[in-house]
Protein backbone atom coordinates (compact mmCIF):
# COMPACT_ATOMS: atom_id res chain seq x y z
CA MET A 1 13.74 2.19 -21.38
CA GLY A 2 13.63 0.67 -17.89
CA LEU A 3 13.10 2.16 -14.48
CA PHE A 4 16.79 3.04 -14.27
CA PRO A 5 17.50 4.58 -17.72
CA SER A 6 21.21 5.14 -17.17
CA ALA A 7 21.80 1.63 -15.87
CA GLU A 8 23.54 -1.20 -17.59
CA LEU A 9 21.56 -4.37 -18.19
CA ASP A 10 22.89 -6.11 -15.08
CA TYR A 11 22.56 -3.04 -12.84
CA ASN A 12 21.59 -3.65 -9.23
CA PRO A 13 19.89 -0.47 -7.91
CA THR A 14 20.81 0.83 -4.51
CA ALA A 15 18.44 0.59 -1.56
CA GLU A 16 17.88 4.34 -1.85
CA GLU A 17 16.88 4.03 -5.51
CA ARG A 18 14.54 1.12 -4.78
CA GLN A 19 12.96 3.04 -1.88
CA ALA A 20 12.42 6.10 -4.10
CA LEU A 21 10.60 3.97 -6.68
CA TRP A 22 8.54 2.31 -3.98
CA ALA A 23 7.58 5.68 -2.44
CA THR A 24 6.37 6.85 -5.86
CA TRP A 25 4.53 3.72 -6.98
CA ALA A 26 3.19 2.11 -3.79
CA PRO A 27 0.61 4.86 -3.13
CA ARG A 28 -0.47 4.94 -6.78
CA LEU A 29 -0.89 1.19 -6.99
CA GLY A 30 -2.53 0.99 -3.55
CA ILE A 31 -5.06 3.68 -4.43
CA ALA A 32 -5.84 2.05 -7.79
CA ALA A 33 -6.31 -1.36 -6.14
CA ALA A 34 -8.51 0.09 -3.39
CA ASN A 35 -10.68 1.94 -5.91
CA LYS A 36 -11.12 -1.26 -7.91
CA ALA A 37 -11.94 -3.27 -4.77
CA VAL A 38 -14.62 -0.76 -3.72
CA GLU A 39 -16.04 -0.73 -7.25
CA GLN A 40 -16.20 -4.54 -7.37
CA TRP A 41 -17.71 -4.68 -3.90
CA GLY A 42 -20.46 -2.26 -4.95
CA GLY A 43 -21.18 -1.00 -1.45
CA ASP A 44 -21.04 2.44 0.10
CA LYS A 45 -17.40 3.27 0.77
CA GLN A 46 -18.47 5.27 3.82
CA GLU A 47 -19.33 1.94 5.48
CA ILE A 48 -15.62 1.08 5.55
CA THR A 49 -14.35 1.32 9.12
CA HIS A 50 -10.91 -0.32 8.91
CA LEU A 51 -8.05 -0.10 6.42
CA ILE A 52 -5.16 -2.57 6.25
CA PHE A 53 -2.09 -2.04 4.07
CA HIS A 54 0.87 -4.39 3.78
CA SER A 55 4.15 -4.03 1.95
CA CYS A 56 7.26 -6.12 2.41
CA THR A 57 9.33 -3.74 0.29
CA GLY A 58 9.33 -0.12 1.45
CA PHE A 59 8.13 2.29 4.07
CA LYS A 60 7.00 5.88 4.37
CA ALA A 61 5.44 7.95 7.10
CA PRO A 62 2.66 8.73 7.14
CA GLY A 63 1.92 5.38 5.59
CA VAL A 64 0.34 4.40 2.31
CA GLU A 65 -2.84 3.47 4.17
CA LEU A 66 -3.33 7.19 4.89
CA ASP A 67 -2.81 8.00 1.19
CA ILE A 68 -5.54 5.47 0.35
CA LEU A 69 -7.86 6.80 3.05
CA ASP A 70 -7.48 10.37 1.75
CA ALA A 71 -7.69 9.51 -1.96
CA LEU A 72 -10.89 7.51 -1.50
CA GLY A 73 -12.42 10.09 0.83
CA LEU A 74 -13.07 7.49 3.53
CA GLN A 75 -14.61 9.41 6.42
CA ASN A 76 -15.58 6.61 8.79
CA VAL A 77 -12.33 4.70 9.16
CA ARG A 78 -11.81 4.13 12.88
CA ARG A 79 -8.58 2.15 12.65
CA ARG A 80 -5.88 1.84 10.03
CA PHE A 81 -3.06 -0.67 9.98
CA GLY A 82 0.24 -0.19 8.17
CA ILE A 83 2.18 -3.46 8.09
CA ASN A 84 5.70 -2.94 6.79
CA TYR A 85 9.07 -4.70 6.85
CA MET A 86 7.65 -8.05 7.88
CA GLY A 87 8.42 -9.70 4.56
CA CYS A 88 5.89 -12.08 3.10
CA PHE A 89 4.82 -13.06 6.62
CA GLY A 90 3.25 -9.62 6.92
CA ALA A 91 0.45 -10.86 4.69
CA PHE A 92 -0.53 -13.35 7.40
CA THR A 93 -0.45 -10.55 9.95
CA GLY A 94 -2.76 -8.49 7.72
CA LEU A 95 -5.16 -11.40 7.30
CA ALA A 96 -5.17 -12.01 11.07
CA ALA A 97 -5.92 -8.32 11.66
CA ALA A 98 -8.77 -8.46 9.12
CA LYS A 99 -10.19 -11.60 10.75
CA SER A 100 -10.20 -9.92 14.17
CA ILE A 101 -12.32 -6.99 12.98
């Protein structure tokens, strides 16, 4: 069974349906990825001072970056960046923001 159980095989979900899926899964996936990144880094997560999140698909307010900040218990983040609706180019914006820190 797919994401849209009542859909025919060639079903094209509406923007509202896609946004609802994104709003459910983007925070979950973002939190899981952030946890894994911190684990692989091996440092003290309280040393993290900036948080950058990019998605070219959906949007929610407050942003997913706040979900990640809360889920990881990051207490020393001074600046968070939510980069949305910039398409794939938003990745370059995120990298430029990271470089400027």
